[in-house]
């Protein structure tokens, strides 16, 4: 008799909706594999984002700004005409 009571303390019983089947619920031992995968993927994503931010801030400080493309004279004339300023010599 005393064995039954000790066993009842360790394992919880739950019944499904029909009441016919008994489901024994035991405590999970070890880590949940889904949680481990989630933590690894989240850690890798966080490392990637932090690394990108560090590289971006380093590049902003050390690299020279890019030079603009030279604009052709023809395009400069077109822009001036659009703005209403006549180009010299016309």
N, C-alpha and C. Protein backbone atom coordinates (compact mmCIF):
# COMPACT_ATOMS: atom_id res chain seq x y z
N UNK A 1 0.80 -1.20 0.00
CA UNK A 1 0.00 0.00 0.00
C UNK A 1 0.85 1.27 0.00
N UNK A 2 1.88 1.28 0.79
CA UNK A 2 2.69 2.48 0.88
C UNK A 2 3.40 2.75 -0.45
N UNK A 3 3.70 1.70 -1.23
CA UNK A 3 4.33 1.89 -2.54
C UNK A 3 3.41 2.64 -3.49
N UNK A 4 2.13 2.38 -3.43
CA UNK A 4 1.18 3.04 -4.32
C UNK A 4 1.11 4.54 -4.05
N UNK A 5 1.18 4.90 -2.77
CA UNK A 5 1.10 6.32 -2.44
C UNK A 5 2.37 7.06 -2.87
N UNK A 6 3.52 6.43 -2.76
CA UNK A 6 4.76 7.07 -3.20
C UNK A 6 4.74 7.25 -4.71
N UNK A 7 4.23 6.26 -5.41
CA UNK A 7 4.14 6.34 -6.86
C UNK A 7 3.16 7.44 -7.28
N UNK A 8 2.09 7.59 -6.54
CA UNK A 8 1.09 8.60 -6.87
C UNK A 8 1.65 10.00 -6.69
N UNK A 9 2.61 10.19 -5.80
CA UNK A 9 3.21 11.51 -5.61
C UNK A 9 4.11 11.90 -6.78
N UNK A 10 4.72 10.93 -7.42
CA UNK A 10 5.69 11.23 -8.47
C UNK A 10 5.07 11.41 -9.84
N UNK A 11 3.97 10.72 -10.12
CA UNK A 11 3.37 10.77 -11.44
C UNK A 11 1.96 11.32 -11.31
N UNK A 12 1.67 12.34 -12.12
CA UNK A 12 0.33 12.91 -12.11
C UNK A 12 -0.51 12.25 -13.19
N UNK A 13 -1.75 12.05 -12.91
CA UNK A 13 -2.67 11.46 -13.88
C UNK A 13 -3.54 12.55 -14.49
N UNK A 14 -3.81 12.42 -15.77
CA UNK A 14 -4.78 13.32 -16.38
C UNK A 14 -5.63 12.49 -17.32
N UNK A 15 -6.88 12.85 -17.44
CA UNK A 15 -7.83 12.10 -18.25
C UNK A 15 -8.18 12.90 -19.48
N UNK A 16 -8.31 12.22 -20.61
CA UNK A 16 -8.73 12.94 -21.81
C UNK A 16 -10.23 13.20 -21.72
N UNK A 17 -10.79 13.87 -22.69
CA UNK A 17 -12.18 14.31 -22.62
C UNK A 17 -13.18 13.15 -22.57
N UNK A 18 -12.82 12.04 -23.19
CA UNK A 18 -13.73 10.90 -23.16
C UNK A 18 -13.72 10.20 -21.81
N UNK A 19 -12.62 10.33 -21.08
CA UNK A 19 -12.54 9.72 -19.78
C UNK A 19 -12.10 8.27 -19.83
N UNK A 20 -11.81 7.74 -21.00
CA UNK A 20 -11.43 6.34 -21.10
C UNK A 20 -9.93 6.14 -20.97
N UNK A 21 -9.16 7.05 -21.47
CA UNK A 21 -7.70 6.88 -21.48
C UNK A 21 -7.07 7.66 -20.35
N UNK A 22 -6.05 7.09 -19.77
CA UNK A 22 -5.29 7.75 -18.72
C UNK A 22 -3.94 8.12 -19.32
N UNK A 23 -3.56 9.37 -19.15
CA UNK A 23 -2.28 9.85 -19.67
C UNK A 23 -1.40 10.12 -18.46
N UNK A 24 -0.23 9.50 -18.44
CA UNK A 24 0.71 9.70 -17.36
C UNK A 24 1.64 10.85 -17.72
N UNK A 25 1.67 11.85 -16.87
CA UNK A 25 2.53 13.01 -17.11
C UNK A 25 3.74 12.91 -16.20
N UNK A 26 4.89 12.79 -16.80
CA UNK A 26 6.12 12.76 -16.00
C UNK A 26 6.87 14.05 -16.25
N UNK A 27 7.72 14.40 -15.33
CA UNK A 27 8.50 15.62 -15.47
C UNK A 27 9.57 15.42 -16.53
N UNK A 28 9.80 16.45 -17.34
CA UNK A 28 10.78 16.36 -18.41
C UNK A 28 12.18 16.39 -17.80
N UNK A 29 13.04 15.52 -18.31
CA UNK A 29 14.41 15.48 -17.82
C UNK A 29 15.31 16.02 -18.93
N UNK A 30 16.21 16.92 -18.60
CA UNK A 30 17.12 17.50 -19.58
C UNK A 30 16.51 18.74 -20.23
N UNK A 31 17.21 19.20 -21.25
CA UNK A 31 16.78 20.40 -21.94
C UNK A 31 15.84 20.05 -23.09
N UNK A 32 14.94 20.96 -23.38
CA UNK A 32 14.03 20.79 -24.50
C UNK A 32 14.82 21.06 -25.79
N UNK A 33 14.84 20.13 -26.74
CA UNK A 33 15.62 20.34 -27.97
C UNK A 33 15.15 21.55 -28.77
N UNK A 34 13.87 21.82 -28.77
CA UNK A 34 13.36 23.00 -29.47
C UNK A 34 13.90 24.29 -28.88
N UNK A 35 14.02 24.32 -27.57
CA UNK A 35 14.55 25.51 -26.90
C UNK A 35 16.03 25.69 -27.23
N UNK A 36 16.76 24.60 -27.30
CA UNK A 36 18.18 24.69 -27.64
C UNK A 36 18.35 25.24 -29.05
N UNK A 37 17.57 24.73 -30.00
CA UNK A 37 17.66 25.22 -31.39
C UNK A 37 17.29 26.70 -31.44
N UNK A 38 16.24 27.08 -30.73
CA UNK A 38 15.82 28.48 -30.71
C UNK A 38 16.91 29.38 -30.14
N UNK A 39 17.54 28.96 -29.08
CA UNK A 39 18.59 29.77 -28.48
C UNK A 39 19.81 29.88 -29.40
N UNK A 40 20.18 28.78 -30.06
CA UNK A 40 21.33 28.82 -30.96
C UNK A 40 21.05 29.74 -32.15
N UNK A 41 19.89 29.60 -32.77
CA UNK A 41 19.55 30.44 -33.92
C UNK A 41 19.43 31.90 -33.50
N UNK A 42 18.81 32.16 -32.37
CA UNK A 42 18.71 33.53 -31.87
C UNK A 42 20.07 34.13 -31.56
N UNK A 43 20.95 33.33 -30.98
CA UNK A 43 22.31 33.81 -30.68
C UNK A 43 23.08 34.13 -31.94
N UNK A 44 22.97 33.27 -32.95
CA UNK A 44 23.65 33.53 -34.22
C UNK A 44 23.12 34.78 -34.90
N UNK A 45 21.80 34.96 -34.88
CA UNK A 45 21.20 36.15 -35.48
C UNK A 45 21.64 37.41 -34.74
N UNK A 46 21.65 37.36 -33.43
CA UNK A 46 22.07 38.51 -32.64
C UNK A 46 23.55 38.84 -32.90
N UNK A 47 24.39 37.80 -32.99
CA UNK A 47 25.80 38.01 -33.29
C UNK A 47 25.99 38.64 -34.66
N UNK A 48 25.22 38.17 -35.64
CA UNK A 48 25.30 38.72 -36.99
C UNK A 48 24.93 40.20 -37.00
N UNK A 49 23.83 40.55 -36.33
CA UNK A 49 23.38 41.94 -36.33
C UNK A 49 24.36 42.85 -35.60
N UNK A 50 24.88 42.41 -34.47
CA UNK A 50 25.83 43.22 -33.71
C UNK A 50 27.12 43.38 -34.51
N UNK A 51 27.58 42.31 -35.17
CA UNK A 51 28.78 42.40 -36.00
C UNK A 51 28.61 43.36 -37.15
N UNK A 52 27.45 43.33 -37.79
CA UNK A 52 27.19 44.27 -38.88
C UNK A 52 27.21 45.71 -38.39
N UNK A 53 26.64 45.96 -37.23
CA UNK A 53 26.62 47.31 -36.68
C UNK A 53 28.04 47.79 -36.37
N UNK A 54 28.84 46.90 -35.80
CA UNK A 54 30.23 47.27 -35.46
C UNK A 54 31.01 47.57 -36.73
N UNK A 55 30.88 46.73 -37.75
CA UNK A 55 31.59 46.97 -39.00
C UNK A 55 31.11 48.27 -39.68
N UNK A 56 29.81 48.53 -39.62
CA UNK A 56 29.27 49.75 -40.22
C UNK A 56 29.83 50.99 -39.53
N UNK A 57 29.82 50.98 -38.19
CA UNK A 57 30.32 52.15 -37.47
C UNK A 57 31.82 52.33 -37.69
N UNK A 58 32.56 51.24 -37.78
CA UNK A 58 34.00 51.32 -38.05
C UNK A 58 34.24 51.90 -39.45
N UNK A 59 33.46 51.45 -40.42
CA UNK A 59 33.62 51.93 -41.79
C UNK A 59 33.27 53.41 -41.89
N UNK A 60 32.28 53.86 -41.16
CA UNK A 60 31.90 55.27 -41.20
C UNK A 60 33.01 56.16 -40.66
N UNK A 61 33.74 55.66 -39.68
CA UNK A 61 34.80 56.47 -39.08
C UNK A 61 36.07 56.47 -39.93
N UNK A 62 36.41 55.34 -40.52
CA UNK A 62 37.73 55.22 -41.13
C UNK A 62 37.74 55.43 -42.64
N UNK A 63 36.70 55.03 -43.34
CA UNK A 63 36.74 55.14 -44.80
C UNK A 63 36.43 56.56 -45.25
N UNK A 64 37.03 56.95 -46.36
CA UNK A 64 36.77 58.28 -46.92
C UNK A 64 35.40 58.26 -47.60
N UNK A 65 34.74 59.41 -47.62
CA UNK A 65 33.45 59.45 -48.33
C UNK A 65 33.66 59.23 -49.83
N UNK A 66 32.66 58.63 -50.46
CA UNK A 66 32.76 58.35 -51.89
C UNK A 66 32.68 59.66 -52.68
N UNK A 67 33.41 59.69 -53.77
CA UNK A 67 33.37 60.86 -54.64
C UNK A 67 32.15 60.78 -55.53
N UNK A 68 31.57 61.94 -55.81
CA UNK A 68 30.42 61.98 -56.70
C UNK A 68 30.88 61.85 -58.13
N UNK A 69 30.01 61.30 -58.95
CA UNK A 69 30.32 61.19 -60.38
C UNK A 69 30.33 62.59 -60.98
N UNK A 70 31.25 62.85 -61.88
CA UNK A 70 31.21 64.16 -62.56
C UNK A 70 30.00 64.22 -63.49
N UNK A 71 29.37 65.39 -63.52
CA UNK A 71 28.19 65.59 -64.36
C UNK A 71 28.65 66.17 -65.69
N UNK A 72 28.12 65.65 -66.76
CA UNK A 72 28.51 66.14 -68.09
C UNK A 72 27.95 67.55 -68.31
N UNK A 73 28.58 68.26 -69.22
CA UNK A 73 28.14 69.62 -69.51
C UNK A 73 26.73 69.65 -70.08
N UNK A 74 26.41 68.65 -70.84
CA UNK A 74 25.07 68.58 -71.44
C UNK A 74 24.00 68.47 -70.35
N UNK A 75 24.26 67.63 -69.36
CA UNK A 75 23.30 67.48 -68.27
C UNK A 75 23.20 68.75 -67.44
N UNK A 76 24.33 69.42 -67.26
CA UNK A 76 24.30 70.67 -66.50
C UNK A 76 23.43 71.70 -67.22
N UNK A 77 23.54 71.78 -68.53
CA UNK A 77 22.71 72.71 -69.30
C UNK A 77 21.23 72.36 -69.16
N UNK A 78 20.91 71.08 -69.23
CA UNK A 78 19.52 70.66 -69.10
C UNK A 78 18.96 71.01 -67.73
N UNK A 79 19.75 70.82 -66.69
CA UNK A 79 19.30 71.15 -65.34
C UNK A 79 19.07 72.66 -65.19
N UNK A 80 19.94 73.46 -65.76
CA UNK A 80 19.78 74.91 -65.67
C UNK A 80 18.54 75.36 -66.41
N UNK A 81 18.29 74.77 -67.58
CA UNK A 81 17.09 75.13 -68.33
C UNK A 81 15.82 74.74 -67.58
N UNK A 82 15.85 73.62 -66.87
CA UNK A 82 14.69 73.19 -66.08
C UNK A 82 14.43 74.17 -64.96
N UNK A 83 15.51 74.71 -64.38
CA UNK A 83 15.34 75.65 -63.28
C UNK A 83 15.00 77.06 -63.75
N UNK A 84 15.13 77.30 -65.03
CA UNK A 84 14.79 78.62 -65.58
C UNK A 84 15.95 79.54 -65.71
N UNK A 85 17.15 79.09 -65.42
CA UNK A 85 18.34 79.93 -65.57
C UNK A 85 18.94 79.63 -66.93
N UNK A 86 19.17 80.67 -67.70
CA UNK A 86 19.74 80.42 -69.03
C UNK A 86 21.24 80.17 -68.88
N UNK A 87 21.71 79.25 -69.66
CA UNK A 87 23.14 78.92 -69.62
C UNK A 87 23.90 80.03 -70.31
N UNK A 88 25.10 80.32 -69.87
CA UNK A 88 25.87 81.38 -70.52
C UNK A 88 26.23 81.00 -71.95
N UNK A 89 26.14 81.97 -72.84
CA UNK A 89 26.46 81.75 -74.24
C UNK A 89 25.28 81.30 -75.06
N UNK A 90 24.09 81.27 -74.48
CA UNK A 90 22.93 80.88 -75.25
C UNK A 90 21.99 82.03 -75.45
